Amino acid sequence: MEQALVQNEIKQQCDFVKEFLLNKNRKYGNSALEPKRVFSKVAAIEQINVRVDDKISRIVSGQCDDDEDVELDLIGYLILKRVAKS
């Protein structure tokens, strides 16, 4: 694929992920970065790490649901982890 087409596709995918995360944030608030801590008292980054582990486990085991985009969720959690660390 031509470099200009690849760069355009990268921009489109990044924009899609951005909108996905912003929509999730509107829907769920800051639950990943500011969890309610009803049961778990660990830091937000550790909770995100658990979610990342869960998504990777689903990819490795092939246990992905048809209504779930595990790769997109994983990308989202990794971005949220970077936000939490900033």
N, C-alpha and C. Protein backbone atom coordinates (compact mmCIF):
# COMPACT_ATOMS: atom_id res chain seq x y z
N MET A 1 0.84 -1.18 0.00
CA MET A 1 0.00 0.00 0.00
C MET A 1 0.89 1.24 0.00
N GLU A 2 0.49 2.22 -0.76
CA GLU A 2 1.24 3.46 -0.88
C GLU A 2 1.32 4.19 0.47
N GLN A 3 2.46 4.85 0.72
CA GLN A 3 2.70 5.50 2.00
C GLN A 3 1.61 6.51 2.34
N ALA A 4 1.17 7.31 1.38
CA ALA A 4 0.14 8.31 1.64
C ALA A 4 -1.17 7.64 2.07
N LEU A 5 -1.49 6.50 1.46
CA LEU A 5 -2.70 5.77 1.84
C LEU A 5 -2.58 5.19 3.25
N VAL A 6 -1.40 4.69 3.56
CA VAL A 6 -1.16 4.14 4.90
C VAL A 6 -1.28 5.25 5.94
N GLN A 7 -0.68 6.39 5.66
CA GLN A 7 -0.76 7.50 6.60
C GLN A 7 -2.21 7.96 6.80
N ASN A 8 -2.98 7.99 5.74
CA ASN A 8 -4.39 8.35 5.84
C ASN A 8 -5.15 7.33 6.68
N GLU A 9 -4.87 6.07 6.48
CA GLU A 9 -5.53 5.01 7.25
C GLU A 9 -5.16 5.11 8.73
N ILE A 10 -3.89 5.42 9.02
CA ILE A 10 -3.46 5.62 10.41
C ILE A 10 -4.26 6.76 11.03
N LYS A 11 -4.40 7.86 10.33
CA LYS A 11 -5.18 9.00 10.84
C LYS A 11 -6.63 8.60 11.10
N GLN A 12 -7.22 7.87 10.17
CA GLN A 12 -8.61 7.44 10.34
C GLN A 12 -8.78 6.52 11.54
N GLN A 13 -7.86 5.57 11.70
CA GLN A 13 -7.94 4.65 12.83
C GLN A 13 -7.76 5.39 14.15
N CYS A 14 -6.82 6.33 14.19
CA CYS A 14 -6.60 7.11 15.41
C CYS A 14 -7.83 7.95 15.74
N ASP A 15 -8.44 8.56 14.74
CA ASP A 15 -9.67 9.33 14.96
C ASP A 15 -10.79 8.43 15.47
N PHE A 16 -10.88 7.23 14.92
CA PHE A 16 -11.91 6.29 15.37
C PHE A 16 -11.71 5.91 16.83
N VAL A 17 -10.47 5.61 17.20
CA VAL A 17 -10.18 5.26 18.59
C VAL A 17 -10.47 6.44 19.51
N LYS A 18 -10.11 7.63 19.07
CA LYS A 18 -10.38 8.84 19.87
C LYS A 18 -11.88 8.97 20.13
N GLU A 19 -12.70 8.85 19.10
CA GLU A 19 -14.15 8.98 19.27
C GLU A 19 -14.71 7.85 20.13
N PHE A 20 -14.17 6.65 19.96
CA PHE A 20 -14.58 5.50 20.77
C PHE A 20 -14.34 5.79 22.25
N LEU A 21 -13.15 6.28 22.59
CA LEU A 21 -12.82 6.57 23.99
C LEU A 21 -13.63 7.73 24.54
N LEU A 22 -13.83 8.75 23.75
CA LEU A 22 -14.62 9.89 24.22
C LEU A 22 -16.07 9.47 24.46
N ASN A 23 -16.61 8.63 23.59
CA ASN A 23 -17.98 8.13 23.79
C ASN A 23 -18.08 7.27 25.04
N LYS A 24 -17.11 6.39 25.25
CA LYS A 24 -17.09 5.56 26.46
C LYS A 24 -17.00 6.44 27.70
N ASN A 25 -16.18 7.50 27.63
CA ASN A 25 -16.03 8.39 28.77
C ASN A 25 -17.33 9.13 29.06
N ARG A 26 -18.05 9.53 28.01
CA ARG A 26 -19.35 10.17 28.22
C ARG A 26 -20.34 9.19 28.84
N LYS A 27 -20.28 7.95 28.39
CA LYS A 27 -21.22 6.93 28.85
C LYS A 27 -20.92 6.46 30.28
N TYR A 28 -19.66 6.24 30.58
CA TYR A 28 -19.28 5.65 31.87
C TYR A 28 -18.56 6.62 32.80
N GLY A 29 -18.33 7.84 32.37
CA GLY A 29 -17.57 8.78 33.19
C GLY A 29 -16.12 8.36 33.26
N ASN A 30 -15.46 8.74 34.33
CA ASN A 30 -14.04 8.42 34.50
C ASN A 30 -13.85 7.12 35.29
N SER A 31 -14.68 6.14 35.03
CA SER A 31 -14.66 4.92 35.85
C SER A 31 -13.33 4.17 35.79
N ALA A 32 -12.60 4.27 34.69
CA ALA A 32 -11.31 3.59 34.61
C ALA A 32 -10.24 4.32 35.42
N LEU A 33 -10.30 5.64 35.40
CA LEU A 33 -9.28 6.44 36.09
C LEU A 33 -9.68 6.82 37.51
N GLU A 34 -10.99 6.82 37.77
CA GLU A 34 -11.51 7.14 39.10
C GLU A 34 -12.55 6.11 39.50
N PRO A 35 -12.12 4.87 39.74
CA PRO A 35 -13.07 3.80 40.06
C PRO A 35 -13.77 4.06 41.40
N LYS A 36 -14.96 3.48 41.58
CA LYS A 36 -15.76 3.66 42.80
C LYS A 36 -15.12 2.99 44.01
N ARG A 37 -14.31 1.98 43.78
CA ARG A 37 -13.59 1.28 44.85
C ARG A 37 -14.55 0.64 45.87
N VAL A 38 -15.56 -0.01 45.36
CA VAL A 38 -16.50 -0.71 46.24
C VAL A 38 -15.84 -1.96 46.82
N PHE A 39 -15.19 -2.76 45.97
CA PHE A 39 -14.54 -3.98 46.44
C PHE A 39 -13.02 -3.88 46.37
N SER A 40 -12.52 -3.43 45.24
CA SER A 40 -11.08 -3.36 45.04
C SER A 40 -10.56 -1.99 45.46
N LYS A 41 -9.48 -1.99 46.18
CA LYS A 41 -8.88 -0.74 46.66
C LYS A 41 -7.56 -0.43 45.96
N VAL A 42 -7.19 -1.22 44.94
CA VAL A 42 -5.91 -1.01 44.26
C VAL A 42 -5.98 0.25 43.39
N ALA A 43 -4.82 0.77 43.06
CA ALA A 43 -4.72 1.98 42.26
C ALA A 43 -5.35 1.80 40.88
N ALA A 44 -5.76 2.91 40.29
CA ALA A 44 -6.41 2.89 38.98
C ALA A 44 -5.54 2.22 37.92
N ILE A 45 -4.23 2.50 37.93
CA ILE A 45 -3.35 1.89 36.93
C ILE A 45 -3.33 0.37 37.09
N GLU A 46 -3.32 -0.11 38.32
CA GLU A 46 -3.35 -1.57 38.53
C GLU A 46 -4.66 -2.17 38.03
N GLN A 47 -5.76 -1.46 38.22
CA GLN A 47 -7.04 -1.95 37.72
C GLN A 47 -7.05 -1.97 36.19
N ILE A 48 -6.45 -0.97 35.58
CA ILE A 48 -6.34 -0.96 34.12
C ILE A 48 -5.47 -2.12 33.66
N ASN A 49 -4.37 -2.40 34.40
CA ASN A 49 -3.52 -3.54 34.06
C ASN A 49 -4.31 -4.85 34.07
N VAL A 50 -5.20 -5.00 35.03
CA VAL A 50 -6.03 -6.21 35.10
C VAL A 50 -6.93 -6.30 33.87
N ARG A 51 -7.51 -5.17 33.47
CA ARG A 51 -8.36 -5.16 32.28
C ARG A 51 -7.56 -5.48 31.02
N VAL A 52 -6.33 -4.95 30.95
CA VAL A 52 -5.45 -5.25 29.81
C VAL A 52 -5.15 -6.75 29.78
N ASP A 53 -4.79 -7.31 30.94
CA ASP A 53 -4.54 -8.75 31.02
C ASP A 53 -5.74 -9.56 30.54
N ASP A 54 -6.94 -9.13 30.96
CA ASP A 54 -8.16 -9.83 30.56
C ASP A 54 -8.36 -9.77 29.05
N LYS A 55 -8.13 -8.63 28.45
CA LYS A 55 -8.30 -8.49 27.00
C LYS A 55 -7.27 -9.34 26.25
N ILE A 56 -6.02 -9.32 26.71
CA ILE A 56 -4.98 -10.14 26.07
C ILE A 56 -5.32 -11.62 26.21
N SER A 57 -5.82 -12.01 27.36
CA SER A 57 -6.22 -13.40 27.59
C SER A 57 -7.31 -13.82 26.61
N ARG A 58 -8.26 -12.94 26.38
CA ARG A 58 -9.34 -13.25 25.42
C ARG A 58 -8.80 -13.41 24.01
N ILE A 59 -7.86 -12.56 23.64
CA ILE A 59 -7.27 -12.66 22.30
C ILE A 59 -6.51 -13.97 22.17
N VAL A 60 -5.68 -14.30 23.16
CA VAL A 60 -4.85 -15.51 23.11
C VAL A 60 -5.72 -16.77 23.08
N SER A 61 -6.78 -16.77 23.88
CA SER A 61 -7.62 -17.97 23.98
C SER A 61 -8.69 -18.04 22.89
N GLY A 62 -8.86 -16.95 22.14
CA GLY A 62 -9.88 -16.93 21.09
C GLY A 62 -11.29 -16.83 21.64
N GLN A 63 -11.45 -16.37 22.85
CA GLN A 63 -12.77 -16.28 23.49
C GLN A 63 -13.38 -14.90 23.34
N CYS A 64 -13.36 -14.38 22.14
CA CYS A 64 -13.91 -13.05 21.89
C CYS A 64 -15.37 -13.19 21.48
N ASP A 65 -16.22 -12.35 22.05
CA ASP A 65 -17.63 -12.33 21.68
C ASP A 65 -17.81 -11.57 20.38
N ASP A 66 -18.86 -11.91 19.66
CA ASP A 66 -19.14 -11.22 18.40
C ASP A 66 -19.50 -9.75 18.61
N ASP A 67 -20.06 -9.42 19.77
CA ASP A 67 -20.49 -8.05 20.03
C ASP A 67 -19.40 -7.23 20.74
N GLU A 68 -18.20 -7.75 20.79
CA GLU A 68 -17.11 -7.10 21.50
C GLU A 68 -15.90 -7.01 20.58
N ASP A 69 -15.30 -5.83 20.51
CA ASP A 69 -14.08 -5.65 19.75
C ASP A 69 -12.93 -5.61 20.75
N VAL A 70 -12.36 -6.77 21.02
CA VAL A 70 -11.34 -6.91 22.06
C VAL A 70 -10.10 -6.09 21.73
N GLU A 71 -9.70 -6.06 20.47
CA GLU A 71 -8.52 -5.28 20.10
C GLU A 71 -8.75 -3.79 20.34
N LEU A 72 -9.93 -3.30 19.98
CA LEU A 72 -10.24 -1.90 20.21
C LEU A 72 -10.28 -1.59 21.70
N ASP A 73 -10.88 -2.48 22.48
CA ASP A 73 -10.89 -2.31 23.93
C ASP A 73 -9.47 -2.27 24.49
N LEU A 74 -8.62 -3.15 24.01
CA LEU A 74 -7.23 -3.20 24.46
C LEU A 74 -6.51 -1.89 24.15
N ILE A 75 -6.66 -1.42 22.93
CA ILE A 75 -6.06 -0.13 22.55
C ILE A 75 -6.56 0.97 23.48
N GLY A 76 -7.85 0.96 23.75
CA GLY A 76 -8.44 1.97 24.62
C GLY A 76 -7.86 1.93 26.02
N TYR A 77 -7.75 0.74 26.59
CA TYR A 77 -7.19 0.63 27.94
C TYR A 77 -5.73 1.05 27.99
N LEU A 78 -4.97 0.75 26.94
CA LEU A 78 -3.57 1.17 26.91
C LEU A 78 -3.46 2.69 26.84
N ILE A 79 -4.35 3.32 26.10
CA ILE A 79 -4.35 4.78 26.06
C ILE A 79 -4.75 5.34 27.43
N LEU A 80 -5.77 4.75 28.05
CA LEU A 80 -6.18 5.20 29.38
C LEU A 80 -5.05 5.04 30.39
N LYS A 81 -4.25 3.99 30.23
CA LYS A 81 -3.11 3.80 31.13
C LYS A 81 -2.11 4.93 30.96
N ARG A 82 -1.88 5.34 29.71
CA ARG A 82 -0.97 6.46 29.46
C ARG A 82 -1.53 7.75 30.05
N VAL A 83 -2.84 7.94 29.95
CA VAL A 83 -3.48 9.12 30.55
C VAL A 83 -3.32 9.10 32.06
N ALA A 84 -3.52 7.93 32.65
CA ALA A 84 -3.39 7.80 34.11
C ALA A 84 -1.98 8.09 34.58
N LYS A 85 -0.99 7.77 33.75
CA LYS A 85 0.41 7.97 34.15
C LYS A 85 0.87 9.41 33.91
N SER A 86 0.09 10.19 33.19
CA SER A 86 0.52 11.57 32.88
C SER A 86 0.15 12.55 33.97
